[in-house]
Amino acid sequence: RYRKAGVTMCSDNEFDEFSHYCVDGEMVEAMKNALALVDPLAQSA
C-alpha cells in the first residue's frame, strides 16, 4: 500500500519505516513535506 519513496536514493530508511506506522492525514502531510525536503522526487510518488 505505502510506497517507499526515495528509500533507494536516500538514507531515510528509518524515517520511511516510521511512516508505515503513522498513517494519519496530518502525519502523511507532514511526512510528504519532510520527504519533499529530503527527497524532491518523493513528491511525485
N, C-alpha and C. Protein backbone atom coordinates (compact mmCIF):
# COMPACT_ATOMS: atom_id res chain seq x y z
N ARG A 1 0.83 -1.19 0.00
CA ARG A 1 0.00 0.00 0.00
C ARG A 1 0.87 1.25 0.00
N TYR A 2 1.68 1.36 1.03
CA TYR A 2 2.51 2.57 1.13
C TYR A 2 3.75 2.42 0.28
N ARG A 3 4.01 3.42 -0.52
CA ARG A 3 5.18 3.36 -1.40
C ARG A 3 6.41 3.87 -0.67
N LYS A 4 7.46 3.10 -0.69
CA LYS A 4 8.71 3.53 -0.04
C LYS A 4 9.39 4.54 -0.94
N ALA A 5 9.02 5.78 -0.79
CA ALA A 5 9.53 6.82 -1.67
C ALA A 5 10.95 7.21 -1.30
N GLY A 6 11.84 7.07 -2.24
CA GLY A 6 13.20 7.57 -2.06
C GLY A 6 14.09 6.69 -1.21
N VAL A 7 13.61 5.53 -0.81
CA VAL A 7 14.43 4.68 0.05
C VAL A 7 15.71 4.26 -0.66
N THR A 8 15.62 4.01 -1.95
CA THR A 8 16.80 3.55 -2.68
C THR A 8 17.77 4.69 -2.94
N MET A 9 17.28 5.92 -2.92
CA MET A 9 18.15 7.04 -3.22
C MET A 9 18.65 7.71 -1.95
N CYS A 10 17.85 7.69 -0.90
CA CYS A 10 18.21 8.39 0.33
C CYS A 10 18.47 7.40 1.46
N SER A 11 19.09 7.90 2.51
CA SER A 11 19.34 7.05 3.67
C SER A 11 18.31 7.38 4.74
N ASP A 12 17.06 7.51 4.33
CA ASP A 12 15.99 7.81 5.30
C ASP A 12 15.17 6.56 5.54
N ASN A 13 15.83 5.42 5.66
CA ASN A 13 15.13 4.16 5.86
C ASN A 13 14.34 4.18 7.16
N GLU A 14 14.96 4.68 8.22
CA GLU A 14 14.27 4.73 9.50
C GLU A 14 13.05 5.62 9.39
N PHE A 15 13.21 6.76 8.76
CA PHE A 15 12.09 7.69 8.61
C PHE A 15 10.98 7.04 7.80
N ASP A 16 11.36 6.31 6.76
CA ASP A 16 10.38 5.67 5.91
C ASP A 16 9.67 4.55 6.66
N GLU A 17 10.41 3.81 7.46
CA GLU A 17 9.78 2.75 8.24
C GLU A 17 8.80 3.35 9.23
N PHE A 18 9.19 4.47 9.81
CA PHE A 18 8.34 5.16 10.78
C PHE A 18 7.01 5.54 10.13
N SER A 19 7.06 5.90 8.87
CA SER A 19 5.86 6.35 8.17
C SER A 19 4.85 5.22 8.01
N HIS A 20 5.32 3.98 8.08
CA HIS A 20 4.40 2.86 7.94
C HIS A 20 3.45 2.80 9.13
N TYR A 21 3.93 3.22 10.30
CA TYR A 21 3.13 3.10 11.50
C TYR A 21 2.25 4.32 11.71
N CYS A 22 2.68 5.46 11.25
CA CYS A 22 1.90 6.68 11.43
C CYS A 22 1.28 7.09 10.11
N VAL A 23 0.07 6.65 9.88
CA VAL A 23 -0.59 6.99 8.62
C VAL A 23 -1.85 7.77 8.94
N ASP A 24 -1.65 8.94 9.54
CA ASP A 24 -2.75 9.86 9.78
C ASP A 24 -2.82 10.82 8.61
N GLY A 25 -3.89 11.56 8.54
CA GLY A 25 -3.99 12.56 7.48
C GLY A 25 -2.91 13.60 7.67
N GLU A 26 -2.84 14.14 8.88
CA GLU A 26 -1.85 15.18 9.15
C GLU A 26 -0.45 14.61 9.08
N MET A 27 -0.28 13.41 9.62
CA MET A 27 1.04 12.79 9.64
C MET A 27 1.53 12.60 8.21
N VAL A 28 0.65 12.13 7.34
CA VAL A 28 1.03 11.91 5.95
C VAL A 28 1.45 13.22 5.30
N GLU A 29 0.70 14.27 5.58
CA GLU A 29 1.06 15.57 5.01
C GLU A 29 2.42 16.01 5.51
N ALA A 30 2.63 15.85 6.81
CA ALA A 30 3.90 16.26 7.41
C ALA A 30 5.04 15.44 6.81
N MET A 31 4.78 14.16 6.61
CA MET A 31 5.83 13.29 6.06
C MET A 31 6.11 13.64 4.61
N LYS A 32 5.05 13.96 3.88
CA LYS A 32 5.25 14.35 2.48
C LYS A 32 6.12 15.60 2.42
N ASN A 33 5.84 16.54 3.31
CA ASN A 33 6.63 17.76 3.33
C ASN A 33 8.07 17.45 3.73
N ALA A 34 8.23 16.60 4.73
CA ALA A 34 9.58 16.26 5.20
C ALA A 34 10.32 15.50 4.11
N LEU A 35 9.64 14.56 3.47
CA LEU A 35 10.27 13.79 2.41
C LEU A 35 10.61 14.69 1.23
N ALA A 36 9.76 15.67 0.99
CA ALA A 36 10.00 16.59 -0.13
C ALA A 36 11.30 17.36 0.12
N LEU A 37 11.57 17.66 1.38
CA LEU A 37 12.81 18.37 1.70
C LEU A 37 14.00 17.44 1.54
N VAL A 38 13.82 16.19 1.98
CA VAL A 38 14.92 15.23 1.90
C VAL A 38 15.08 14.71 0.48
N ASP A 39 13.94 14.40 -0.14
CA ASP A 39 13.96 13.78 -1.47
C ASP A 39 12.89 14.41 -2.34
N PRO A 40 13.24 15.37 -3.17
CA PRO A 40 12.27 16.07 -4.02
C PRO A 40 11.46 15.12 -4.89
N LEU A 41 12.00 13.96 -5.22
CA LEU A 41 11.29 13.02 -6.08
C LEU A 41 10.14 12.37 -5.34
N ALA A 42 10.15 12.43 -4.02
CA ALA A 42 9.10 11.80 -3.23
C ALA A 42 7.76 12.49 -3.50
N GLN A 43 7.80 13.74 -3.90
CA GLN A 43 6.56 14.47 -4.16
C GLN A 43 5.78 13.85 -5.31
N SER A 44 6.47 13.33 -6.29
CA SER A 44 5.79 12.79 -7.47
C SER A 44 5.40 11.34 -7.28
N ALA A 45 5.76 10.76 -6.14
CA ALA A 45 5.46 9.35 -5.90
C ALA A 45 4.00 9.17 -5.55
